[in-house]
C-alpha atoms as a PDB file:
ATOM      1  CA  MET A   1       0.000   0.000   0.000  1.00  0.00           C
ATOM      2  CA  ALA A   2       1.349   3.331  -0.993  1.00  0.00           C
ATOM      3  CA  ASP A   3      -0.277   5.188   1.893  1.00  0.00           C
ATOM      4  CA  ASP A   4       1.231   3.192   4.779  1.00  0.00           C
ATOM      5  CA  LYS A   5       2.059   5.370   7.762  1.00  0.00           C
ATOM      6  CA  LYS A   6       5.099   4.548   9.818  1.00  0.00           C
ATOM      7  CA  LEU A   7       4.007   4.216  13.434  1.00  0.00           C
ATOM      8  CA  PRO A   8       6.414   4.220  16.350  1.00  0.00           C
ATOM      9  CA  ALA A   9       7.364   0.801  17.716  1.00  0.00           C
ATOM     10  CA  ASP A  10       5.631   1.485  21.039  1.00  0.00           C
ATOM     11  CA  HIS A  11       2.320   2.436  19.375  1.00  0.00           C
ATOM     12  CA  ASP A  12      -0.480   0.049  20.308  1.00  0.00           C
ATOM     13  CA  HIS A  13      -3.870  -0.233  18.710  1.00  0.00           C
ATOM     14  CA  TRP A  14      -6.480   1.431  20.905  1.00  0.00           C
ATOM     15  CA  LEU A  15      -8.335  -1.858  21.481  1.00  0.00           C
ATOM     16  CA  VAL A  16      -5.321  -3.576  23.070  1.00  0.00           C
ATOM     17  CA  ARG A  17      -4.483  -0.839  25.556  1.00  0.00           C
ATOM     18  CA  GLU A  18      -5.158  -1.818  29.165  1.00  0.00           C
ATOM     19  CA  SER A  19      -7.051   1.399  29.855  1.00  0.00           C
ATOM     20  CA  THR A  20      -9.383   0.782  26.919  1.00  0.00           C
ATOM     21  CA  ILE A  21     -10.019  -2.813  27.950  1.00  0.00           C
ATOM     22  CA  ARG A  22     -10.808  -1.693  31.498  1.00  0.00           C
ATOM     23  CA  ASN A  23     -13.173   1.001  30.198  1.00  0.00           C
ATOM     24  CA  LEU A  24     -14.926  -1.486  27.914  1.00  0.00           C
ATOM     25  CA  TRP A  25     -15.445  -3.880  30.845  1.00  0.00           C
ATOM     26  CA  ILE A  26     -16.872  -1.028  32.936  1.00  0.00           C
ATOM     27  CA  LEU A  27     -19.195  -0.086  30.069  1.00  0.00           C
ATOM     28  CA  LEU A  28     -20.333  -3.703  29.624  1.00  0.00           C
ATOM     29  CA  ILE A  29     -21.075  -4.106  33.325  1.00  0.00           C
ATOM     30  CA  ALA A  30     -22.868  -0.735  33.439  1.00  0.00           C
ATOM     31  CA  VAL A  31     -25.115  -1.661  30.508  1.00  0.00           C
ATOM     32  CA  PHE A  32     -25.842  -5.025  32.114  1.00  0.00           C
ATOM     33  CA  VAL A  33     -26.755  -3.447  35.465  1.00  0.00           C
ATOM     34  CA  LEU A  34     -28.842  -0.711  33.816  1.00  0.00           C
ATOM     35  CA  SER A  35     -30.783  -3.232  31.756  1.00  0.00           C
ATOM     36  CA  ILE A  36     -31.621  -5.201  34.899  1.00  0.00           C
ATOM     37  CA  ALA A  37     -32.438  -2.024  36.850  1.00  0.00           C
ATOM     38  CA  ALA A  38     -34.725  -0.836  34.043  1.00  0.00           C
ATOM     39  CA  GLU A  39     -36.881  -3.889  34.567  1.00  0.00           C
ATOM     40  CA  THR A  40     -37.821  -2.666  38.035  1.00  0.00           C
ATOM     41  CA  VAL A  41     -39.461   0.388  36.439  1.00  0.00           C
ATOM     42  CA  TRP A  42     -40.640  -1.058  33.130  1.00  0.00           C
ATOM     43  CA  HIS A  43     -42.311  -4.458  33.119  1.00  0.00           C
ATOM     44  CA  PRO A  44     -42.058  -6.374  29.844  1.00  0.00           C
ATOM     45  CA  HIS A  45     -45.012  -8.424  28.652  1.00  0.00           C
ATOM     46  CA  PRO A  46     -43.663 -11.977  28.348  1.00  0.00           C
ATOM     47  CA  HIS A  47     -44.895 -14.360  25.668  1.00  0.00           C
ATOM     48  CA  PHE A  48     -43.531 -17.487  27.362  1.00  0.00           C
ATOM     49  CA  SER A  49     -43.080 -18.491  30.991  1.00  0.00           C
ATOM     50  CA  LEU A  50     -39.300 -18.254  30.645  1.00  0.00           C
ATOM     51  CA  ASP A  51     -39.586 -14.609  29.584  1.00  0.00           C
ATOM     52  CA  ALA A  52     -41.222 -13.771  32.906  1.00  0.00           C
ATOM     53  CA  ILE A  53     -37.990 -14.377  34.863  1.00  0.00           C
ATOM     54  CA  PHE A  54     -36.606 -11.131  36.297  1.00  0.00           C
ATOM     55  CA  GLY A  55     -33.751  -9.843  34.122  1.00  0.00           C
ATOM     56  CA  PHE A  56     -34.284 -12.474  31.440  1.00  0.00           C
ATOM     57  CA  GLY A  57     -33.241 -10.206  28.571  1.00  0.00           C
ATOM     58  CA  ALA A  58     -29.970  -9.213  30.228  1.00  0.00           C
ATOM     59  CA  TRP A  59     -29.086 -12.745  31.306  1.00  0.00           C
ATOM     60  CA  PHE A  60     -30.057 -14.207  27.930  1.00  0.00           C
ATOM     61  CA  GLY A  61     -27.946 -11.637  26.080  1.00  0.00           C
ATOM     62  CA  LEU A  62     -24.945 -12.205  28.336  1.00  0.00           C
ATOM     63  CA  LEU A  63     -25.107 -15.991  28.092  1.00  0.00           C
ATOM     64  CA  SER A  64     -25.707 -15.843  24.333  1.00  0.00           C
ATOM     65  CA  GLY A  65     -22.617 -13.699  23.901  1.00  0.00           C
ATOM     66  CA  PHE A  66     -20.493 -16.120  25.925  1.00  0.00           C
ATOM     67  CA  ALA A  67     -21.901 -19.073  23.966  1.00  0.00           C
ATOM     68  CA  LEU A  68     -21.121 -17.320  20.700  1.00  0.00           C
ATOM     69  CA  VAL A  69     -17.496 -16.805  21.728  1.00  0.00           C
ATOM     70  CA  VAL A  70     -17.126 -20.434  22.851  1.00  0.00           C
ATOM     71  CA  VAL A  71     -18.654 -21.817  19.647  1.00  0.00           C
ATOM     72  CA  THR A  72     -16.531 -19.544  17.464  1.00  0.00           C
ATOM     73  CA  LYS A  73     -13.290 -20.422  19.267  1.00  0.00           C
ATOM     74  CA  SER A  74     -14.034 -24.152  19.106  1.00  0.00           C
ATOM     75  CA  TRP A  75     -14.975 -23.954  15.425  1.00  0.00           C
ATOM     76  CA  ALA A  76     -11.700 -22.159  14.675  1.00  0.00           C
ATOM     77  CA  ILE A  77      -9.808 -25.246  15.841  1.00  0.00           C
ATOM     78  CA  PHE A  78     -11.258 -27.250  12.954  1.00  0.00           C
ATOM     79  CA  VAL A  79     -11.041 -24.689  10.141  1.00  0.00           C
ATOM     80  CA  LYS A  80      -7.682 -23.013  10.746  1.00  0.00           C
ATOM     81  CA  ARG A  81      -4.743 -23.473   8.405  1.00  0.00           C
ATOM     82  CA  LYS A  82      -1.134 -24.182   9.201  1.00  0.00           C
ATOM     83  CA  ASP A  83       1.188 -21.207   9.697  1.00  0.00           C
ATOM     84  CA  THR A  84       3.122 -22.244   6.592  1.00  0.00           C
ATOM     85  CA  TYR A  85       0.075 -22.332   4.297  1.00  0.00           C
ATOM     86  CA  TYR A  86       1.287 -19.567   1.989  1.00  0.00           C
ATOM     87  CA  ASP A  87       4.972 -20.556   1.995  1.00  0.00           C
END
């Protein structure tokens, strides 16, 4: 690429900085707590008995995200190529 910028050797991407990771964890926990706290004020109208559990949306979203990461990581074991694939 003709437009490559030369970055200093100590330059890290903003997503791998410890301060950013800490802030993202704080944001994730805050959204989780706010979504559970919102259910004390606003009552959803469940369609199934499982939906009636307090905080179901927050717990379901959290567990679905973890399951997605686990499935993706385990699938990567089967579809990855050797490091010398292009050599």
